Amino acid sequence: MHGCFVPTSTPLNFGVKVRIAMVYAGAKVVAIGRVVSVRAEGMGIVFTKVEERYQAILERWIAESPVN
């Protein structure tokens, strides 16, 4: 719940601040974050700010995940 991996062929540089929007099962989560790892296949982002309304959705997604 503290971040995500974004697969991309053009990852951003380490330390870059980002605003990320994720949509799943008809719900949307928006977070502010920072790139903390960069690989050829994508980048890891740690969330630095998630509004409470989005945090609840994120927690629901994690709870419903078959891999939690």
C-alpha atoms as a PDB file:
ATOM      1  CA  MET A   1       0.000   0.000   0.000  1.00  0.00           C
ATOM      2  CA  HIS A   2       3.023   2.243   0.078  1.00  0.00           C
ATOM      3  CA  GLY A   3       3.883   2.161  -3.595  1.00  0.00           C
ATOM      4  CA  CYS A   4       3.733   0.332  -6.895  1.00  0.00           C
ATOM      5  CA  PHE A   5       5.742  -0.826  -9.874  1.00  0.00           C
ATOM      6  CA  VAL A   6       4.975   0.773 -13.227  1.00  0.00           C
ATOM      7  CA  PRO A   7       6.033  -1.251 -16.262  1.00  0.00           C
ATOM      8  CA  THR A   8       7.305   1.059 -18.986  1.00  0.00           C
ATOM      9  CA  SER A   9       9.953   1.056 -21.676  1.00  0.00           C
ATOM     10  CA  THR A  10      10.937   4.627 -20.719  1.00  0.00           C
ATOM     11  CA  PRO A  11      11.165   4.863 -16.912  1.00  0.00           C
ATOM     12  CA  LEU A  12      11.695   8.236 -15.279  1.00  0.00           C
ATOM     13  CA  ASN A  13      14.907   9.032 -13.427  1.00  0.00           C
ATOM     14  CA  PHE A  14      15.495   8.050  -9.802  1.00  0.00           C
ATOM     15  CA  GLY A  15      14.099  10.661  -7.410  1.00  0.00           C
ATOM     16  CA  VAL A  16      11.653  12.266  -9.848  1.00  0.00           C
ATOM     17  CA  LYS A  17       8.379  13.336  -8.206  1.00  0.00           C
ATOM     18  CA  VAL A  18       5.253  11.989  -9.912  1.00  0.00           C
ATOM     19  CA  ARG A  19       1.478  12.180  -9.761  1.00  0.00           C
ATOM     20  CA  ILE A  20       0.031   8.783 -10.568  1.00  0.00           C
ATOM     21  CA  ALA A  21      -3.557   7.787 -11.291  1.00  0.00           C
ATOM     22  CA  MET A  22      -4.575   4.113 -11.180  1.00  0.00           C
ATOM     23  CA  VAL A  23      -7.916   2.707 -12.317  1.00  0.00           C
ATOM     24  CA  TYR A  24      -9.146  -0.758 -11.412  1.00  0.00           C
ATOM     25  CA  ALA A  25     -12.628  -2.286 -11.200  1.00  0.00           C
ATOM     26  CA  GLY A  26     -14.285   1.050 -11.927  1.00  0.00           C
ATOM     27  CA  ALA A  27     -12.512   2.915  -9.098  1.00  0.00           C
ATOM     28  CA  LYS A  28      -9.686   5.433  -9.325  1.00  0.00           C
ATOM     29  CA  VAL A  29      -6.797   6.200  -6.964  1.00  0.00           C
ATOM     30  CA  VAL A  30      -4.596   9.254  -7.316  1.00  0.00           C
ATOM     31  CA  ALA A  31      -1.327   9.578  -5.385  1.00  0.00           C
ATOM     32  CA  ILE A  32       1.779  11.716  -5.246  1.00  0.00           C
ATOM     33  CA  GLY A  33       5.014   9.773  -5.211  1.00  0.00           C
ATOM     34  CA  ARG A  34       8.678   9.533  -6.040  1.00  0.00           C
ATOM     35  CA  VAL A  35      10.637   7.152  -8.260  1.00  0.00           C
ATOM     36  CA  VAL A  36      12.736   4.935  -5.966  1.00  0.00           C
ATOM     37  CA  SER A  37      13.954   2.255  -8.369  1.00  0.00           C
ATOM     38  CA  VAL A  38      14.595   2.148 -12.080  1.00  0.00           C
ATOM     39  CA  ARG A  39      14.977  -0.961 -14.228  1.00  0.00           C
ATOM     40  CA  ALA A  40      14.888  -1.590 -17.952  1.00  0.00           C
ATOM     41  CA  GLU A  41      11.327  -2.910 -17.632  1.00  0.00           C
ATOM     42  CA  GLY A  42       9.932  -0.067 -15.499  1.00  0.00           C
ATOM     43  CA  MET A  43      10.132   1.902 -12.262  1.00  0.00           C
ATOM     44  CA  GLY A  44       9.202   1.542  -8.623  1.00  0.00           C
ATOM     45  CA  ILE A  45       7.245   4.405  -7.094  1.00  0.00           C
ATOM     46  CA  VAL A  46       6.800   5.061  -3.383  1.00  0.00           C
ATOM     47  CA  PHE A  47       3.668   6.999  -2.446  1.00  0.00           C
ATOM     48  CA  THR A  48       4.408  10.160  -0.465  1.00  0.00           C
ATOM     49  CA  LYS A  49       0.823  11.446  -0.302  1.00  0.00           C
ATOM     50  CA  VAL A  50      -2.478   9.619  -0.710  1.00  0.00           C
ATOM     51  CA  GLU A  51      -5.699  11.433   0.176  1.00  0.00           C
ATOM     52  CA  GLU A  52      -7.890   9.613   2.692  1.00  0.00           C
ATOM     53  CA  ARG A  53     -10.648   8.952   0.150  1.00  0.00           C
ATOM     54  CA  TYR A  54      -8.139   7.228  -2.143  1.00  0.00           C
ATOM     55  CA  GLN A  55      -6.451   5.391   0.734  1.00  0.00           C
ATOM     56  CA  ALA A  56      -9.735   3.582   1.478  1.00  0.00           C
ATOM     57  CA  ILE A  57      -9.993   2.420  -2.142  1.00  0.00           C
ATOM     58  CA  LEU A  58      -6.355   1.300  -2.147  1.00  0.00           C
ATOM     59  CA  GLU A  59      -6.918  -0.693   1.053  1.00  0.00           C
ATOM     60  CA  ARG A  60      -9.970  -2.361  -0.501  1.00  0.00           C
ATOM     61  CA  TRP A  61      -7.988  -3.334  -3.605  1.00  0.00           C
ATOM     62  CA  ILE A  62      -5.269  -4.897  -1.447  1.00  0.00           C
ATOM     63  CA  ALA A  63      -7.799  -6.758   0.706  1.00  0.00           C
ATOM     64  CA  GLU A  64      -9.488  -8.192  -2.394  1.00  0.00           C
ATOM     65  CA  SER A  65      -6.194  -9.172  -4.027  1.00  0.00           C
ATOM     66  CA  PRO A  66      -5.601 -12.915  -4.282  1.00  0.00           C
ATOM     67  CA  VAL A  67      -1.899 -12.298  -3.561  1.00  0.00           C
ATOM     68  CA  ASN A  68      -2.001 -10.399  -0.241  1.00  0.00           C
END
